[in-house]
Amino acid sequence: TAQERKGKAGDDGVRVWNDNHYGSMEEDAFRRDFSVNALYYDPVGRRGLVDLVGGRQDLARKRIRVLGKAQERLQEDPVRMLRALKLVGQFGFTLEPDLEQAIRTQGHLLASASQSRLFEETRKILARQFSHPTLLALHQHGLLRHHWRTLDELWRRPEGRLLEAILQARDRRVGSGSYTGSKSLAVATAAFPYVMLSLGIKDLDGELWRCDHDALQAIRAAVAEAFAPQPVPKFLIFRAADIIWLLPKFRNHADLARLQRHPEYKYARELFLLLHEVCHWPQHWADVWPAPLAGTAGRRDDYADEVEGDSGDVEALANAHFPERHPPRPPATADGEAGEAPAAPKKKRRRRRRRKPGGRQPPTSGEGTPPAAPESPENG
């Protein structure tokens, strides 16, 4: 509506800035982006799956159809182009001709979206088991150069083909259901081929880089450039750079005990095993490096990274690895309420003696009566 499009000063009147006032289900259905996203379920009544826009038919045909005019709906929110192509990559859907044409002609609008929001979309793509087909769909429809320019430029180079192979291997592991969901490992995996290019590494079978401070600084800069202009949080850049920086130590069979104690050993080993699979390195290179030692928790953020869910799951996982920092909750009482922790004994506070005005008093004499104070000069 016109009221929803009334937003910032100087706006063109197309972008939707205020759409949080929901009406009825019927009104809300026609405000959705695609017909397959406008299906409702009635858990209380008897209507079951409610389809007001033909979404079930489009779902059966694996077709993505825009509700309304494609160009106008993409102008309202350019991130809808990413959502459409994520459906293409994840489920093999096809775009309606008008939507496909609109994406090709209006992909530049993606630059007007929040870069932080775009990085969050990138992170979600890398976290799933469909990262390669999704990025391939973006590349084939001409949107990758607007969303992730560095990767689009890398795609046809040898480093781009290496990244495709790495993502395919990673997708298989994520699809197994037991692979780590670490954000820092996902960032390191996607940035690794660009780091190779930046450091002038042409062959993974040869020497990599010296594990010194200069190399670490160069890797950090390359990780940030790999995602530019999307703003990667600094702590993710630092952790991803540490993961990549450790890789030569795995190749050179460095001190095992010392390397296992490194906070990023777990994720550096995972990236090394991915490269080992893709590059067909000798098997004994991987057999040397065991799984992380039990009880070596590493950085606490590792466990929070691996949980996609509510904060309670993150807290429960953190409590399991850091019991000394999170004491267990007291057992429930008879009435079902959680018991209160026993109160700690109160410290005895030392009572301070109040001094009389005039400072320290002289000792008493005679029968306890203090001597008379001398007259002050003012009273003399």
Protein backbone atom coordinates (compact mmCIF):
# COMPACT_ATOMS: atom_id res chain seq x y z
CA THR A 1 0.00 0.00 0.00
CA ALA A 2 1.00 3.63 -0.30
CA GLN A 3 1.25 3.92 3.48
CA GLU A 4 3.72 1.00 3.61
CA ARG A 5 5.87 2.60 0.92
CA LYS A 6 5.98 5.94 2.71
CA GLY A 7 9.43 5.82 4.19
CA LYS A 8 12.58 7.88 3.96
CA ALA A 9 12.95 11.39 2.61
CA GLY A 10 13.89 11.39 -1.05
CA ASP A 11 12.78 7.78 -1.52
CA ASP A 12 11.42 6.76 -4.92
CA GLY A 13 8.23 5.45 -3.34
CA VAL A 14 8.78 1.84 -4.40
CA ARG A 15 10.82 0.31 -1.59
CA VAL A 16 8.71 -1.05 1.29
CA TRP A 17 9.95 0.32 4.63
CA ASN A 18 7.04 -0.38 6.95
CA ASP A 19 5.14 -3.64 6.52
CA ASN A 20 4.77 -4.95 10.06
CA HIS A 21 1.05 -4.28 10.40
CA TYR A 22 -0.58 -7.58 9.51
CA GLY A 23 -4.19 -7.85 8.55
CA SER A 24 -6.21 -11.00 7.93
CA MET A 25 -4.72 -14.18 6.51
CA GLU A 26 -6.28 -13.37 3.14
CA GLU A 27 -4.66 -9.92 3.09
CA ASP A 28 -1.31 -11.29 4.23
CA ALA A 29 -1.22 -14.00 1.54
CA PHE A 30 -1.14 -11.49 -1.31
CA ARG A 31 1.68 -9.54 0.32
CA ARG A 32 4.06 -12.50 0.15
CA ASP A 33 6.87 -12.65 -2.39
CA PHE A 34 6.25 -16.04 -4.04
CA SER A 35 3.22 -18.27 -4.23
CA VAL A 36 5.05 -21.20 -2.62
CA ASN A 37 5.70 -18.97 0.42
CA ALA A 38 2.02 -18.04 0.79
CA LEU A 39 0.67 -21.35 2.11
CA TYR A 40 -0.98 -21.52 5.53
CA TYR A 41 -1.89 -24.34 7.85
CA ASP A 42 -4.91 -24.27 10.14
CA PRO A 43 -3.94 -26.28 13.25
CA VAL A 44 -7.22 -25.58 15.08
CA GLY A 45 -9.96 -25.64 12.47
CA ARG A 46 -10.67 -28.20 9.77
CA ARG A 47 -9.32 -26.35 6.76
CA GLY A 48 -5.89 -27.99 6.90
CA LEU A 49 -3.52 -26.48 4.32
CA VAL A 50 -4.94 -23.17 3.12
CA ASP A 51 -3.93 -22.06 -0.38
CA LEU A 52 -5.30 -18.75 -1.63
CA VAL A 53 -2.84 -18.07 -4.46
CA GLY A 54 -2.25 -21.40 -6.22
CA GLY A 55 0.92 -22.17 -4.28
CA ARG A 56 0.28 -25.92 -4.02
CA GLN A 57 0.15 -26.26 -7.77
CA ASP A 58 3.38 -24.27 -8.17
CA LEU A 59 4.99 -26.39 -5.46
CA ALA A 60 4.06 -29.60 -7.28
CA ARG A 61 5.52 -28.23 -10.51
CA LYS A 62 8.62 -26.86 -8.74
CA ARG A 63 7.91 -23.43 -10.12
CA ILE A 64 8.68 -20.06 -8.52
CA ARG A 65 6.01 -17.51 -9.35
CA VAL A 66 5.90 -13.96 -8.05
CA LEU A 67 2.69 -12.62 -6.55
CA GLY A 68 2.12 -9.46 -8.56
CA LYS A 69 4.48 -7.82 -11.03
CA ALA A 70 7.98 -9.28 -10.80
CA GLN A 71 9.86 -6.02 -11.33
CA GLU A 72 7.82 -4.18 -8.72
CA ARG A 73 8.14 -6.92 -6.08
CA LEU A 74 11.92 -7.10 -6.53
CA GLN A 75 12.20 -3.33 -6.27
CA GLU A 76 10.33 -3.48 -2.96
CA ASP A 77 12.98 -5.84 -1.52
CA PRO A 78 15.96 -6.79 -3.73
CA VAL A 79 16.94 -9.61 -1.35
CA ARG A 80 13.97 -11.52 -2.81
CA MET A 81 16.22 -12.30 -5.78
CA LEU A 82 18.53 -14.22 -3.46
CA ARG A 83 15.60 -16.08 -1.91
CA ALA A 84 14.32 -17.13 -5.33
CA LEU A 85 17.68 -18.52 -6.41
CA LYS A 86 18.17 -20.28 -3.07
CA LEU A 87 15.00 -22.24 -3.90
CA VAL A 88 16.50 -23.02 -7.30
CA GLY A 89 19.72 -24.30 -5.75
CA GLN A 90 18.21 -26.19 -2.82
CA PHE A 91 15.17 -27.82 -4.43
CA GLY A 92 15.75 -27.64 -8.17
CA PHE A 93 12.91 -25.17 -8.79
CA THR A 94 12.63 -23.17 -12.01
CA LEU A 95 11.86 -19.47 -12.33
CA GLU A 96 8.88 -18.07 -14.18
CA PRO A 97 10.10 -16.24 -17.32
CA ASP A 98 9.09 -12.80 -16.01
CA LEU A 99 10.93 -13.41 -12.71
CA GLU A 100 14.06 -14.69 -14.46
CA GLN A 101 14.12 -11.65 -16.74
CA ALA A 102 13.61 -9.28 -13.81
CA ILE A 103 16.53 -10.82 -11.92
CA ARG A 104 18.83 -10.40 -14.91
CA THR A 105 17.86 -6.77 -15.49
CA GLN A 106 17.54 -5.64 -11.85
CA GLY A 107 20.39 -7.50 -10.18
CA HIS A 108 22.18 -4.20 -9.58
CA LEU A 109 19.50 -3.27 -7.03
CA LEU A 110 21.08 -5.75 -4.65
CA ALA A 111 23.80 -3.17 -3.96
CA SER A 112 21.20 -0.94 -2.30
CA ALA A 113 20.39 -3.60 0.32
CA SER A 114 22.13 -3.68 3.69
CA GLN A 115 25.56 -5.29 3.32
CA SER A 116 25.24 -6.80 6.79
CA ARG A 117 22.01 -8.43 5.71
CA LEU A 118 23.68 -9.74 2.56
CA PHE A 119 26.50 -11.29 4.59
CA GLU A 120 23.93 -13.00 6.78
CA GLU A 121 22.39 -14.49 3.60
CA THR A 122 25.88 -15.60 2.51
CA ARG A 123 26.49 -17.23 5.88
CA LYS A 124 23.20 -19.12 5.64
CA ILE A 125 24.08 -20.36 2.16
CA LEU A 126 27.46 -21.66 3.37
CA ALA A 127 25.89 -23.30 6.43
CA ARG A 128 23.63 -25.61 4.39
CA GLN A 129 24.32 -28.69 2.34
CA PHE A 130 23.33 -26.87 -0.87
CA SER A 131 26.03 -24.20 -0.89
CA HIS A 132 27.51 -25.23 -4.25
CA PRO A 133 24.25 -25.55 -6.25
CA THR A 134 22.97 -22.30 -4.74
CA LEU A 135 26.09 -20.31 -5.64
CA LEU A 136 26.08 -21.97 -9.06
CA ALA A 137 22.47 -20.79 -9.59
CA LEU A 138 23.48 -17.25 -8.62
CA HIS A 139 26.34 -17.39 -11.12
CA GLN A 140 24.21 -18.80 -13.94
CA HIS A 141 21.51 -16.14 -13.52
CA GLY A 142 24.00 -13.27 -13.36
CA LEU A 143 23.35 -12.37 -9.73
CA LEU A 144 26.62 -13.58 -8.20
CA ARG A 145 28.54 -10.57 -9.55
CA HIS A 146 26.14 -8.27 -7.69
CA HIS A 147 26.05 -10.33 -4.49
CA TRP A 148 29.61 -11.67 -4.17
CA ARG A 149 31.83 -9.94 -6.69
CA THR A 150 35.11 -11.57 -5.64
CA LEU A 151 33.71 -15.07 -5.99
CA ASP A 152 32.21 -14.28 -9.38
CA GLU A 153 35.60 -13.09 -10.65
CA LEU A 154 37.21 -16.21 -9.20
CA TRP A 155 34.66 -18.64 -10.66
CA ARG A 156 36.31 -19.27 -14.04
CA ARG A 157 39.86 -19.36 -12.69
CA PRO A 158 41.62 -22.50 -11.41
CA GLU A 159 41.01 -21.23 -7.86
CA GLY A 160 37.28 -21.08 -8.62
CA ARG A 161 37.25 -24.69 -9.78
CA LEU A 162 39.07 -25.62 -6.58
CA LEU A 163 36.40 -23.81 -4.55
CA GLU A 164 33.63 -25.69 -6.39
CA ALA A 165 35.29 -29.00 -5.51
CA ILE A 166 35.77 -27.94 -1.87
CA LEU A 167 32.13 -26.82 -1.54
CA GLN A 168 30.87 -30.06 -3.07
CA ALA A 169 32.92 -32.07 -0.58
CA ARG A 170 31.72 -29.85 2.27
CA ASP A 171 28.07 -30.22 1.15
CA ARG A 172 28.38 -33.98 1.35
CA ARG A 173 29.69 -33.77 4.89
CA VAL A 174 27.07 -31.26 6.01
CA GLY A 175 24.38 -33.48 4.47
CA SER A 176 25.52 -36.37 6.66
CA GLY A 177 24.07 -34.52 9.64
CA SER A 178 27.12 -34.86 11.88
CA TYR A 179 29.36 -32.14 10.44
CA THR A 180 30.29 -29.08 12.43
CA GLY A 181 28.27 -25.90 11.94
CA SER A 182 31.12 -23.56 12.88
CA LYS A 183 30.81 -20.14 11.23
CA SER A 184 34.55 -19.60 11.35
CA LEU A 185 35.21 -22.86 9.48
CA ALA A 186 32.61 -21.95 6.84
CA VAL A 187 34.25 -18.55 6.29
CA ALA A 188 37.72 -20.12 6.13
CA THR A 189 36.55 -22.74 3.63
CA ALA A 190 34.99 -20.19 1.27
CA ALA A 191 37.91 -17.76 1.55
CA PHE A 192 40.74 -20.29 1.15
CA PRO A 193 41.06 -20.19 -2.70
CA TYR A 194 41.18 -16.39 -2.66
CA VAL A 195 43.83 -16.52 0.08
CA MET A 196 45.86 -18.80 -2.21
CA LEU A 197 45.56 -16.29 -5.03
CA SER A 198 46.49 -13.36 -2.78
CA LEU A 199 49.60 -15.09 -1.43
CA GLY A 200 50.70 -16.27 -4.87
CA ILE A 201 50.21 -19.99 -4.14
CA LYS A 202 49.65 -21.73 -7.49
CA ASP A 203 50.03 -25.38 -6.50
CA LEU A 204 48.79 -26.98 -3.29
CA ASP A 205 51.21 -29.85 -3.78
CA GLY A 206 54.15 -27.47 -3.34
CA GLU A 207 55.21 -25.27 -0.47
CA LEU A 208 52.54 -23.08 1.10
CA TRP A 209 53.59 -20.21 3.40
CA ARG A 210 55.78 -19.75 6.43
CA CYS A 211 53.79 -19.75 9.66
CA ASP A 212 54.97 -16.36 10.84
CA HIS A 213 53.31 -13.11 11.83
CA ASP A 214 53.58 -11.55 8.37
CA ALA A 215 51.76 -14.46 6.78
CA LEU A 216 49.02 -14.27 9.41
CA GLN A 217 48.47 -10.58 8.75
CA ALA A 218 48.33 -11.18 4.99
CA ILE A 219 45.78 -14.00 5.45
CA ARG A 220 43.58 -11.81 7.61
CA ALA A 221 43.55 -9.11 4.95
CA ALA A 222 42.78 -11.67 2.23
CA VAL A 223 39.86 -13.17 4.18
CA ALA A 224 38.29 -9.71 4.54
CA GLU A 225 38.85 -8.95 0.83
CA ALA A 226 37.33 -12.28 -0.20
CA PHE A 227 33.90 -11.17 1.07
CA ALA A 228 34.13 -7.44 0.30
CA PRO A 229 32.07 -5.30 0.43
CA GLN A 230 30.12 -7.54 2.80
CA PRO A 231 31.27 -6.78 6.36
CA VAL A 232 32.57 -9.95 8.00
CA PRO A 233 32.74 -9.58 11.80
CA LYS A 234 36.33 -9.10 12.92
CA PHE A 235 36.31 -12.07 15.28
CA LEU A 236 35.30 -14.33 12.37
CA ILE A 237 38.08 -12.90 10.21
CA PHE A 238 40.66 -13.56 12.92
CA ARG A 239 39.48 -17.09 13.63
CA ALA A 240 39.17 -18.03 9.95
CA ALA A 241 42.67 -16.66 9.34
CA ASP A 242 44.05 -18.75 12.21
CA ILE A 243 42.47 -21.86 10.70
CA ILE A 244 44.03 -21.23 7.29
CA TRP A 245 47.38 -20.15 8.77
CA LEU A 246 47.81 -23.54 10.49
CA LEU A 247 47.53 -25.62 7.30
CA PRO A 248 51.28 -25.80 6.49
CA LYS A 249 51.87 -27.35 9.92
CA PHE A 250 49.68 -30.29 8.90
CA ARG A 251 51.64 -30.69 5.70
CA ASN A 252 55.02 -30.47 7.43
CA HIS A 253 54.03 -32.88 10.24
CA ALA A 254 54.82 -30.31 12.91
CA ASP A 255 54.87 -31.03 16.62
CA LEU A 256 51.67 -33.04 17.13
CA ALA A 257 51.21 -32.43 20.84
CA ARG A 258 51.73 -28.68 20.52
CA LEU A 259 49.45 -28.34 17.51
CA GLN A 260 46.66 -30.28 19.20
CA ARG A 261 46.61 -27.72 21.98
CA HIS A 262 46.00 -24.86 19.55
CA PRO A 263 42.45 -23.41 19.96
CA GLU A 264 41.74 -23.81 16.23
CA TYR A 265 43.20 -27.32 15.79
CA LYS A 266 39.75 -28.88 15.47
CA TYR A 267 38.65 -26.68 12.56
CA ALA A 268 42.05 -26.46 10.88
CA ARG A 269 42.06 -30.26 10.81
CA GLU A 270 38.59 -30.28 9.21
CA LEU A 271 39.74 -27.91 6.46
CA PHE A 272 42.91 -29.98 5.96
CA LEU A 273 40.80 -33.14 5.55
CA LEU A 274 38.62 -31.37 2.96
CA LEU A 275 41.71 -30.38 0.97
CA HIS A 276 43.11 -33.88 1.43
CA GLU A 277 39.98 -35.32 -0.19
CA VAL A 278 39.85 -32.80 -3.04
CA CYS A 279 43.59 -32.83 -3.86
CA HIS A 280 43.97 -36.63 -3.47
CA TRP A 281 46.93 -36.33 -1.13
CA PRO A 282 48.54 -39.50 0.30
CA GLN A 283 46.38 -41.17 2.93
CA HIS A 284 49.11 -41.18 5.58
CA TRP A 285 49.04 -37.37 5.57
CA ALA A 286 45.56 -37.51 7.10
CA ASP A 287 46.16 -40.51 9.34
CA VAL A 288 48.86 -38.66 11.28
CA TRP A 289 46.41 -36.14 12.70
CA PRO A 290 43.93 -37.56 15.22
CA ALA A 291 40.64 -36.10 16.33
CA PRO A 292 40.85 -33.34 18.97
CA LEU A 293 41.78 -34.52 22.42
CA ALA A 294 38.89 -35.03 24.82
CA GLY A 295 38.68 -32.19 27.29
CA THR A 296 40.50 -29.66 25.11
CA ALA A 297 37.62 -27.29 24.63
CA GLY A 298 39.47 -24.62 22.70
CA ARG A 299 37.67 -21.33 22.36
CA ARG A 300 34.27 -21.14 23.91
CA ASP A 301 32.80 -19.54 20.76
CA ASP A 302 33.32 -22.86 18.96
CA TYR A 303 30.40 -24.40 20.77
CA ALA A 304 28.11 -21.42 20.33
CA ASP A 305 28.94 -21.42 16.60
CA GLU A 306 27.85 -25.01 16.20
CA VAL A 307 24.31 -24.50 17.49
CA GLU A 308 21.64 -23.01 15.27
CA GLY A 309 18.70 -22.52 17.57
CA ASP A 310 17.57 -20.73 20.67
CA SER A 311 19.91 -19.40 23.27
CA GLY A 312 18.97 -22.19 25.64
CA ASP A 313 20.66 -24.77 23.40
CA VAL A 314 23.80 -22.67 23.25
CA GLU A 315 23.81 -22.27 27.01
CA ALA A 316 23.28 -25.99 27.57
CA LEU A 317 26.19 -26.85 25.29
CA ALA A 318 28.42 -24.28 26.96
CA ASN A 319 27.49 -25.64 30.39
CA ALA A 320 28.50 -29.14 29.31
CA HIS A 321 31.99 -28.01 28.35
CA PHE A 322 32.52 -25.40 31.04
CA PRO A 323 30.86 -26.77 34.21
CA GLU A 324 33.12 -24.78 36.48
CA ARG A 325 31.80 -21.53 34.99
CA HIS A 326 28.18 -22.63 35.01
CA PRO A 327 27.28 -24.37 38.29
CA PRO A 328 24.32 -26.79 38.02
CA ARG A 329 20.88 -25.56 38.92
CA PRO A 330 19.63 -26.70 42.35
CA PRO A 331 17.25 -29.70 42.27
CA ALA A 332 13.51 -29.16 42.32
CA THR A 333 11.64 -29.11 45.60
CA ALA A 334 8.57 -31.15 46.48
CA ASP A 335 6.16 -28.63 44.96
CA GLY A 336 7.91 -28.80 41.59
CA GLU A 337 9.64 -25.46 41.84
CA ALA A 338 13.35 -25.19 41.34
CA GLY A 339 15.11 -25.10 44.65
CA GLU A 340 17.09 -22.11 45.67
CA ALA A 341 20.81 -22.34 45.99
CA PRO A 342 21.97 -22.50 49.61
CA ALA A 343 22.84 -19.08 50.85
CA ALA A 344 26.50 -18.45 51.42
CA PRO A 345 27.45 -17.67 55.04
CA LYS A 346 27.48 -13.96 55.68
CA LYS A 347 30.79 -12.36 56.32
CA LYS A 348 31.18 -10.63 59.65
CA ARG A 349 31.74 -7.01 58.96
CA ARG A 350 34.21 -5.38 61.23
CA ARG A 351 32.51 -2.60 63.06
CA ARG A 352 34.34 0.66 62.79
CA ARG A 353 34.63 2.72 65.97
CA ARG A 354 33.24 6.15 65.60
CA ARG A 355 35.68 8.84 66.51
CA LYS A 356 34.66 11.86 68.44
CA PRO A 357 35.07 15.28 66.89
CA GLY A 358 38.51 16.70 67.46
CA GLY A 359 40.57 13.74 66.36
CA ARG A 360 42.30 11.17 68.56
CA GLN A 361 41.57 11.55 72.26
CA PRO A 362 44.42 11.56 74.82
CA PRO A 363 44.52 8.77 77.39
CA THR A 364 42.44 9.22 80.50
CA SER A 365 43.93 9.95 83.93
CA GLY A 366 42.82 9.60 87.51
CA GLU A 367 39.43 7.96 87.84
CA GLY A 368 38.84 7.90 84.15
CA THR A 369 38.19 11.57 83.67
CA PRO A 370 40.23 13.00 80.84
CA PRO A 371 42.35 16.03 81.60
CA ALA A 372 40.89 19.37 80.72
CA ALA A 373 41.64 20.50 77.20
CA PRO A 374 43.81 23.57 76.95
CA GLU A 375 42.09 26.77 76.02
CA SER A 376 42.40 27.67 72.40
CA PRO A 377 44.11 30.94 71.51
CA GLU A 378 40.82 32.27 70.23
CA ASN A 379 39.26 31.91 73.67
CA GLY A 380 42.21 33.17 75.60
